[in-house]
N, C-alpha and C. Protein backbone atom coordinates (compact mmCIF):
# COMPACT_ATOMS: atom_id res chain seq x y z
N MET A 1 65.11 -4.13 13.79
CA MET A 1 65.23 -5.68 14.69
C MET A 1 66.88 -5.45 14.99
N ASP A 2 67.50 -6.11 15.93
CA ASP A 2 68.65 -6.28 16.45
C ASP A 2 69.17 -7.69 15.51
N ASP A 3 70.44 -7.78 15.53
CA ASP A 3 70.75 -8.86 14.72
C ASP A 3 71.62 -9.89 15.24
N THR A 4 70.70 -10.51 16.47
CA THR A 4 71.01 -11.18 17.25
C THR A 4 70.87 -12.87 16.70
N PRO A 5 71.25 -13.89 17.31
CA PRO A 5 70.91 -15.31 16.93
C PRO A 5 69.26 -15.33 16.69
N ALA A 6 68.93 -14.75 17.98
CA ALA A 6 67.08 -15.04 18.14
C ALA A 6 66.53 -14.17 17.16
N ASP A 7 66.68 -13.28 16.97
CA ASP A 7 65.88 -12.27 16.05
C ASP A 7 66.32 -12.70 14.58
N ARG A 8 67.30 -13.06 14.21
CA ARG A 8 67.60 -13.74 13.03
C ARG A 8 66.44 -15.35 12.81
N ARG A 9 66.46 -15.63 13.48
CA ARG A 9 65.67 -17.04 14.13
C ARG A 9 64.37 -16.56 13.78
N ASP A 10 63.56 -15.91 14.43
CA ASP A 10 62.66 -15.14 14.39
C ASP A 10 62.23 -14.49 12.93
N LEU A 11 63.08 -13.92 12.39
CA LEU A 11 62.59 -13.10 11.38
C LEU A 11 62.72 -14.65 9.95
N GLY A 12 63.39 -15.45 9.99
CA GLY A 12 63.67 -16.40 9.22
C GLY A 12 62.38 -17.37 9.47
N LEU A 13 61.91 -17.83 10.63
CA LEU A 13 60.81 -18.47 10.31
C LEU A 13 59.64 -17.58 10.26
N ALA A 14 59.80 -16.13 10.33
CA ALA A 14 58.27 -15.39 9.76
C ALA A 14 58.68 -16.12 8.27
N THR A 15 59.50 -15.37 7.90
CA THR A 15 59.64 -15.44 5.91
C THR A 15 59.43 -17.11 5.82
N ALA A 16 59.76 -18.08 6.22
CA ALA A 16 59.76 -19.40 5.73
C ALA A 16 58.36 -19.76 5.77
N ARG A 17 57.24 -18.82 7.37
CA ARG A 17 55.67 -19.24 6.94
C ARG A 17 55.01 -18.17 5.93
N ALA A 18 55.57 -17.15 5.95
CA ALA A 18 55.18 -16.38 4.64
C ALA A 18 55.46 -17.05 3.40
N PHE A 19 56.49 -17.87 2.55
CA PHE A 19 56.83 -18.40 1.98
C PHE A 19 55.94 -19.88 2.04
N ALA A 20 56.03 -20.60 2.91
CA ALA A 20 55.14 -21.79 2.59
C ALA A 20 54.05 -21.96 3.76
N GLY A 21 53.79 -21.04 4.02
CA GLY A 21 52.69 -21.66 5.04
C GLY A 21 52.83 -21.88 6.60
N ASP A 22 52.19 -21.66 7.65
CA ASP A 22 52.71 -21.92 8.88
C ASP A 22 52.37 -23.69 9.11
N GLU A 23 51.48 -24.48 8.76
CA GLU A 23 51.83 -26.14 9.09
C GLU A 23 53.15 -26.38 7.88
N LEU A 24 53.10 -25.76 6.45
CA LEU A 24 54.39 -26.77 6.41
C LEU A 24 55.52 -26.18 6.63
N ALA A 25 55.91 -24.82 6.86
CA ALA A 25 57.14 -24.46 7.33
C ALA A 25 57.48 -25.24 8.64
N ASP A 26 56.33 -24.95 10.01
CA ASP A 26 56.61 -25.25 10.89
C ASP A 26 56.95 -27.09 10.74
N GLY A 27 56.41 -28.06 10.15
CA GLY A 27 56.46 -29.24 9.99
C GLY A 27 57.79 -29.46 9.42
N TYR A 28 58.23 -29.04 8.31
CA TYR A 28 59.69 -29.07 7.83
C TYR A 28 60.37 -28.81 8.72
N LEU A 29 60.38 -28.05 9.30
CA LEU A 29 61.50 -27.48 10.58
C LEU A 29 61.72 -28.27 11.37
N ALA A 30 60.49 -29.12 11.71
CA ALA A 30 60.64 -29.77 13.01
C ALA A 30 61.00 -31.19 12.59
N ARG A 31 60.64 -31.42 11.43
CA ARG A 31 61.46 -32.66 10.67
C ARG A 31 63.11 -32.63 11.11
N LEU A 32 63.17 -31.56 10.19
CA LEU A 32 64.87 -31.31 10.21
C LEU A 32 65.65 -30.96 11.10
N GLY A 33 64.76 -30.07 12.53
CA GLY A 33 65.49 -29.98 13.71
C GLY A 33 65.12 -31.02 14.84
N GLN A 34 64.77 -32.32 14.35
CA GLN A 34 64.98 -33.62 15.06
C GLN A 34 66.07 -34.47 14.97
N LEU A 35 66.34 -34.23 13.34
CA LEU A 35 67.44 -35.13 12.72
C LEU A 35 68.91 -34.04 12.95
N SER A 36 68.75 -32.75 12.92
CA SER A 36 69.83 -31.74 12.65
C SER A 36 69.55 -30.39 13.72
N PRO A 37 69.17 -30.03 14.66
CA PRO A 37 68.73 -28.79 14.87
C PRO A 37 69.89 -27.93 14.65
N ASP A 38 71.26 -27.90 14.35
CA ASP A 38 72.11 -26.91 13.97
C ASP A 38 71.58 -26.40 12.06
N LEU A 39 71.05 -27.78 11.55
CA LEU A 39 70.83 -27.70 10.22
C LEU A 39 69.73 -26.59 10.12
N ALA A 40 68.58 -27.02 10.69
CA ALA A 40 67.40 -26.44 10.79
C ALA A 40 67.81 -24.80 11.13
N ASP A 41 68.81 -24.62 12.32
CA ASP A 41 68.81 -23.07 12.75
C ASP A 41 69.81 -22.47 11.27
N ALA A 42 70.73 -23.02 10.67
CA ALA A 42 71.50 -22.67 9.26
C ALA A 42 70.34 -22.04 8.42
N LEU A 43 69.49 -22.71 8.30
CA LEU A 43 68.56 -22.86 7.08
C LEU A 43 67.52 -21.43 7.41
N LEU A 44 66.93 -21.37 8.83
CA LEU A 44 66.05 -20.44 9.00
C LEU A 44 67.26 -19.06 9.35
N THR A 45 68.40 -19.28 9.57
CA THR A 45 69.32 -17.80 9.87
C THR A 45 69.86 -17.36 8.34
N ASN A 46 69.96 -18.63 7.76
CA ASN A 46 70.97 -18.26 6.48
C ASN A 46 70.19 -17.87 5.30
N VAL A 47 69.35 -18.90 4.80
CA VAL A 47 68.64 -18.71 3.89
C VAL A 47 67.29 -17.64 4.15
N TYR A 48 66.57 -18.45 5.34
CA TYR A 48 65.47 -17.28 5.37
C TYR A 48 65.30 -15.74 5.87
N SER A 49 66.28 -15.77 6.79
CA SER A 49 66.11 -14.65 7.25
C SER A 49 67.34 -13.54 6.99
N ASP A 50 68.22 -14.41 6.02
CA ASP A 50 69.37 -13.15 5.30
C ASP A 50 69.15 -13.14 3.72
N VAL A 51 69.07 -14.03 3.52
CA VAL A 51 68.58 -13.99 2.10
C VAL A 51 67.12 -13.78 1.40
N LEU A 52 66.21 -14.52 1.79
CA LEU A 52 64.93 -14.35 1.63
C LEU A 52 64.23 -13.31 2.10
N SER A 53 64.12 -12.79 2.92
CA SER A 53 63.98 -11.57 3.60
C SER A 53 64.01 -10.46 3.13
N ARG A 54 65.09 -10.02 2.49
CA ARG A 54 65.72 -9.15 1.73
C ARG A 54 64.33 -8.47 1.10
N SER A 55 64.88 -7.18 0.33
CA SER A 55 63.34 -6.36 0.02
C SER A 55 64.05 -6.40 -1.66
N GLY A 56 65.16 -6.54 -2.01
CA GLY A 56 65.74 -6.52 -3.30
C GLY A 56 65.15 -7.09 -4.38
N LEU A 57 64.58 -8.60 -4.27
CA LEU A 57 63.38 -9.02 -5.44
C LEU A 57 62.02 -9.54 -4.43
N THR A 58 60.72 -9.97 -5.28
CA THR A 58 60.01 -10.36 -4.81
C THR A 58 60.03 -11.56 -4.22
N PRO A 59 58.97 -11.79 -3.16
CA PRO A 59 58.81 -14.10 -3.08
C PRO A 59 58.68 -14.45 -4.76
N ARG A 60 57.76 -13.88 -5.39
CA ARG A 60 57.57 -14.57 -6.56
C ARG A 60 59.01 -14.57 -7.16
N ASP A 61 59.94 -13.90 -7.37
CA ASP A 61 61.02 -13.56 -8.34
C ASP A 61 62.34 -14.34 -7.67
N ARG A 62 62.32 -14.39 -6.63
CA ARG A 62 63.24 -15.50 -5.78
C ARG A 62 62.59 -16.94 -5.89
N GLU A 63 61.46 -17.46 -6.20
CA GLU A 63 60.78 -18.83 -6.21
C GLU A 63 61.34 -18.63 -7.98
N LEU A 64 61.41 -18.00 -9.05
CA LEU A 64 61.40 -18.56 -10.66
C LEU A 64 62.81 -18.52 -10.37
N LEU A 65 63.30 -17.61 -9.68
CA LEU A 65 64.78 -17.81 -9.94
C LEU A 65 65.55 -19.13 -9.17
N THR A 66 64.68 -19.65 -7.96
CA THR A 66 65.19 -20.84 -6.98
C THR A 66 64.88 -22.10 -7.84
N LEU A 67 63.64 -21.60 -8.59
CA LEU A 67 63.18 -22.86 -9.41
C LEU A 67 63.91 -23.01 -10.56
N ALA A 68 64.49 -21.97 -11.35
CA ALA A 68 65.85 -22.42 -12.42
C ALA A 68 66.69 -22.57 -12.10
N THR A 69 67.48 -22.33 -10.65
CA THR A 69 68.51 -23.10 -10.28
C THR A 69 68.62 -24.34 -10.16
N LEU A 70 67.45 -24.89 -9.21
CA LEU A 70 67.19 -26.28 -8.80
C LEU A 70 67.08 -27.15 -10.03
N ILE A 71 66.44 -26.73 -11.18
CA ILE A 71 66.44 -27.32 -12.38
C ILE A 71 67.52 -27.55 -13.21
N ALA A 72 68.37 -26.62 -13.38
CA ALA A 72 69.92 -26.30 -14.03
C ALA A 72 70.81 -27.18 -13.12
N LEU A 73 70.86 -27.23 -11.93
CA LEU A 73 71.50 -28.31 -10.71
C LEU A 73 71.15 -29.68 -11.27
N GLY A 74 69.55 -29.91 -11.39
CA GLY A 74 69.49 -31.50 -11.62
C GLY A 74 69.77 -32.20 -10.27
N GLY A 75 68.87 -33.01 -10.20
CA GLY A 75 68.80 -34.17 -8.92
C GLY A 75 68.33 -33.91 -7.38
N CYS A 76 67.63 -32.83 -8.29
CA CYS A 76 67.28 -31.76 -6.82
C CYS A 76 65.73 -31.87 -6.35
N ASN A 77 65.53 -33.26 -6.48
CA ASN A 77 64.01 -33.36 -7.11
C ASN A 77 62.91 -32.93 -6.01
N ASP A 78 63.24 -33.31 -4.59
CA ASP A 78 62.41 -33.32 -3.31
C ASP A 78 62.39 -31.57 -3.15
N HIS A 79 63.46 -31.18 -3.35
CA HIS A 79 63.64 -29.46 -3.26
C HIS A 79 62.83 -28.62 -4.61
N LEU A 80 63.10 -28.97 -5.45
CA LEU A 80 61.97 -28.73 -6.56
C LEU A 80 60.46 -28.82 -6.39
N ARG A 81 60.26 -29.80 -6.30
CA ARG A 81 59.05 -30.37 -5.65
C ARG A 81 58.08 -28.85 -4.36
N ILE A 82 59.48 -28.96 -3.43
CA ILE A 82 58.91 -28.15 -2.57
C ILE A 82 58.92 -26.26 -2.92
N HIS A 83 59.77 -26.17 -3.59
CA HIS A 83 60.20 -24.44 -4.37
C HIS A 83 58.80 -24.64 -5.20
N VAL A 84 58.50 -25.64 -5.83
CA VAL A 84 57.44 -25.38 -6.98
C VAL A 84 56.00 -24.90 -6.30
N GLU A 85 55.61 -25.71 -5.15
CA GLU A 85 54.77 -25.28 -4.11
C GLU A 85 54.78 -23.94 -3.54
N LEU A 86 55.94 -23.46 -2.99
CA LEU A 86 56.26 -22.47 -2.45
C LEU A 86 55.94 -21.30 -3.51
N ALA A 87 56.45 -21.39 -4.78
CA ALA A 87 56.17 -20.66 -5.86
C ALA A 87 54.87 -20.24 -6.23
N LEU A 88 53.80 -21.51 -5.84
CA LEU A 88 52.53 -20.98 -6.45
C LEU A 88 51.81 -20.49 -5.02
N ASN A 89 52.42 -20.56 -3.74
CA ASN A 89 52.02 -20.59 -2.43
C ASN A 89 52.25 -18.45 -2.38
N VAL A 90 53.06 -18.06 -3.28
CA VAL A 90 53.57 -16.68 -3.12
C VAL A 90 52.67 -15.88 -4.29
N GLY A 91 52.06 -16.56 -5.26
CA GLY A 91 51.28 -15.79 -5.73
C GLY A 91 51.98 -16.20 -7.52
N THR A 92 53.09 -17.16 -7.81
CA THR A 92 53.64 -17.15 -8.95
C THR A 92 52.11 -17.78 -9.91
N ASP A 93 52.29 -17.12 -10.84
CA ASP A 93 51.32 -18.01 -12.18
C ASP A 93 52.10 -19.28 -12.79
N PRO A 94 50.91 -20.27 -12.66
CA PRO A 94 52.05 -21.36 -13.40
C PRO A 94 52.26 -21.52 -14.75
N GLN A 95 51.63 -20.46 -15.35
CA GLN A 95 52.20 -20.11 -16.75
C GLN A 95 53.77 -19.54 -16.59
N GLU A 96 53.61 -18.85 -15.38
CA GLU A 96 55.19 -18.34 -15.31
C GLU A 96 56.24 -19.62 -15.32
N ILE A 97 55.71 -20.41 -14.07
CA ILE A 97 56.50 -21.68 -13.88
C ILE A 97 56.84 -22.43 -15.14
N LEU A 98 56.10 -22.67 -16.35
CA LEU A 98 55.95 -23.27 -17.40
C LEU A 98 56.69 -22.84 -18.52
N GLU A 99 56.82 -21.24 -18.30
CA GLU A 99 57.94 -20.80 -19.10
C GLU A 99 59.18 -20.72 -18.36
N THR A 100 59.44 -20.94 -17.01
CA THR A 100 60.87 -21.34 -16.29
C THR A 100 61.23 -22.29 -16.37
N LEU A 101 60.60 -23.34 -17.17
CA LEU A 101 60.81 -24.55 -17.54
C LEU A 101 61.47 -24.42 -19.04
N LEU A 102 60.67 -23.91 -20.08
CA LEU A 102 60.91 -23.50 -20.81
C LEU A 102 62.52 -22.93 -21.26
N GLN A 103 63.18 -21.88 -20.44
CA GLN A 103 64.13 -21.23 -20.42
C GLN A 103 64.89 -22.31 -19.91
N ALA A 104 64.88 -23.16 -18.82
CA ALA A 104 65.76 -23.87 -18.31
C ALA A 104 65.61 -24.75 -19.66
N ALA A 105 65.04 -25.48 -20.09
CA ALA A 105 65.37 -26.58 -21.01
C ALA A 105 66.78 -25.75 -22.25
N ALA A 106 66.29 -24.46 -22.26
CA ALA A 106 67.28 -23.69 -23.06
C ALA A 106 68.93 -23.73 -22.99
N TYR A 107 68.74 -23.60 -21.54
CA TYR A 107 70.36 -23.48 -20.78
C TYR A 107 70.65 -24.25 -20.29
N ALA A 108 69.43 -25.15 -19.61
CA ALA A 108 70.38 -26.40 -19.01
C ALA A 108 70.21 -27.29 -19.56
N GLY A 109 69.43 -27.59 -20.46
CA GLY A 109 69.27 -28.87 -21.26
C GLY A 109 67.82 -29.07 -20.99
N PHE A 110 67.34 -30.06 -21.98
CA PHE A 110 66.18 -30.99 -22.06
C PHE A 110 66.09 -31.96 -20.95
N PRO A 111 66.94 -32.74 -20.84
CA PRO A 111 66.78 -33.35 -19.63
C PRO A 111 66.49 -33.10 -18.56
N ARG A 112 67.02 -32.00 -18.08
CA ARG A 112 66.82 -31.51 -16.65
C ARG A 112 65.65 -30.81 -16.61
N ALA A 113 65.34 -30.51 -17.73
CA ALA A 113 64.10 -29.44 -17.52
C ALA A 113 62.79 -30.83 -17.81
N LEU A 114 62.86 -31.64 -18.51
CA LEU A 114 61.74 -32.60 -18.60
C LEU A 114 61.51 -33.68 -17.57
N ALA A 115 62.90 -33.65 -16.40
CA ALA A 115 62.75 -34.41 -15.64
C ALA A 115 62.09 -33.38 -14.40
N ALA A 116 62.31 -32.10 -14.21
CA ALA A 116 61.34 -31.23 -13.59
C ALA A 116 60.18 -31.09 -14.15
N ALA A 117 59.66 -31.00 -15.55
CA ALA A 117 58.68 -30.78 -15.81
C ALA A 117 57.31 -32.06 -15.43
N ALA A 118 58.13 -33.38 -15.14
CA ALA A 118 57.02 -34.35 -14.17
C ALA A 118 57.18 -33.68 -12.71
N ILE A 119 57.64 -33.22 -12.35
CA ILE A 119 57.48 -32.54 -10.70
C ILE A 119 56.65 -31.89 -10.96
N VAL A 120 56.79 -30.44 -11.91
CA VAL A 120 55.69 -29.56 -12.03
C VAL A 120 54.21 -30.39 -12.23
N HIS A 121 54.34 -31.50 -13.07
CA HIS A 121 52.96 -32.13 -13.53
C HIS A 121 52.22 -32.18 -12.31
N ASP A 122 53.03 -33.14 -11.53
CA ASP A 122 52.20 -33.70 -10.59
C ASP A 122 51.98 -32.38 -9.36
N ALA A 123 52.77 -31.74 -9.27
CA ALA A 123 52.42 -30.49 -8.50
C ALA A 123 51.00 -29.55 -8.78
N PHE A 124 50.98 -29.31 -10.06
CA PHE A 124 49.78 -28.80 -11.04
C PHE A 124 48.30 -29.52 -10.66
N ALA A 125 48.72 -31.16 -10.76
CA ALA A 125 47.60 -31.63 -10.81
C ALA A 125 46.72 -31.75 -10.02
N ALA A 126 47.89 -31.99 -8.52
CA ALA A 126 47.44 -31.82 -7.01
C ALA A 126 46.85 -30.60 -6.73
N ARG A 127 46.74 -29.39 -7.07
CA ARG A 127 45.89 -28.36 -7.28
C ARG A 127 45.03 -28.22 -8.38
N GLY A 128 44.89 -29.13 -9.07
CA GLY A 128 43.59 -28.83 -9.93
C GLY A 128 44.16 -27.74 -11.05
N LEU A 129 45.69 -27.69 -11.48
CA LEU A 129 45.85 -27.00 -12.37
C LEU A 129 46.00 -27.03 -13.79
N LEU A 130 45.53 -28.34 -13.58
CA LEU A 130 46.08 -28.83 -15.30
C LEU A 130 44.79 -28.78 -16.12
N ARG A 131 43.28 -28.88 -15.82
CA ARG A 131 42.20 -28.54 -16.20
C ARG A 131 42.42 -26.90 -17.44
N GLY A 132 42.01 -27.79 -18.52
CA GLY A 132 41.61 -26.82 -19.66
C GLY A 132 43.49 -26.27 -20.43
N ARG A 133 44.11 -27.26 -19.79
CA ARG A 133 45.76 -26.71 -20.73
C ARG A 133 45.49 -27.30 -21.85
N GLU A 134 45.69 -26.43 -22.62
CA GLU A 134 46.22 -27.14 -24.24
C GLU A 134 47.03 -28.02 -24.61
N HIS A 135 47.57 -28.95 -25.43
CA HIS A 135 48.07 -29.75 -25.72
C HIS A 135 49.49 -29.25 -26.19
């Protein structure tokens, strides 16, 4: 593939759809593009094309790293919510997400990990993933 802006956008869109599914990716990008076409284009080309499409890490690994980063940053609830969904979409086991919360608690602090846990809880509940979990 050439490295033209159109090629980068195409690769970015294909990657976004692979992570999020067509409906979620297209809807999110349409809303963002309505507000700022340049920001939507930058997301596609810089994040999805140039970073997430690389072969150095699996999508699962990339999403676990993204979750850990967002937890450590704090205040990124909307993005954390999205990336919990994306992590599940790319095959991350729910237990791996819970282990990421625990790891983040040790290094980023319990307040940030507990705030993230509420978001993870809601995402798991929406997918029926809380049933059978031990207390």
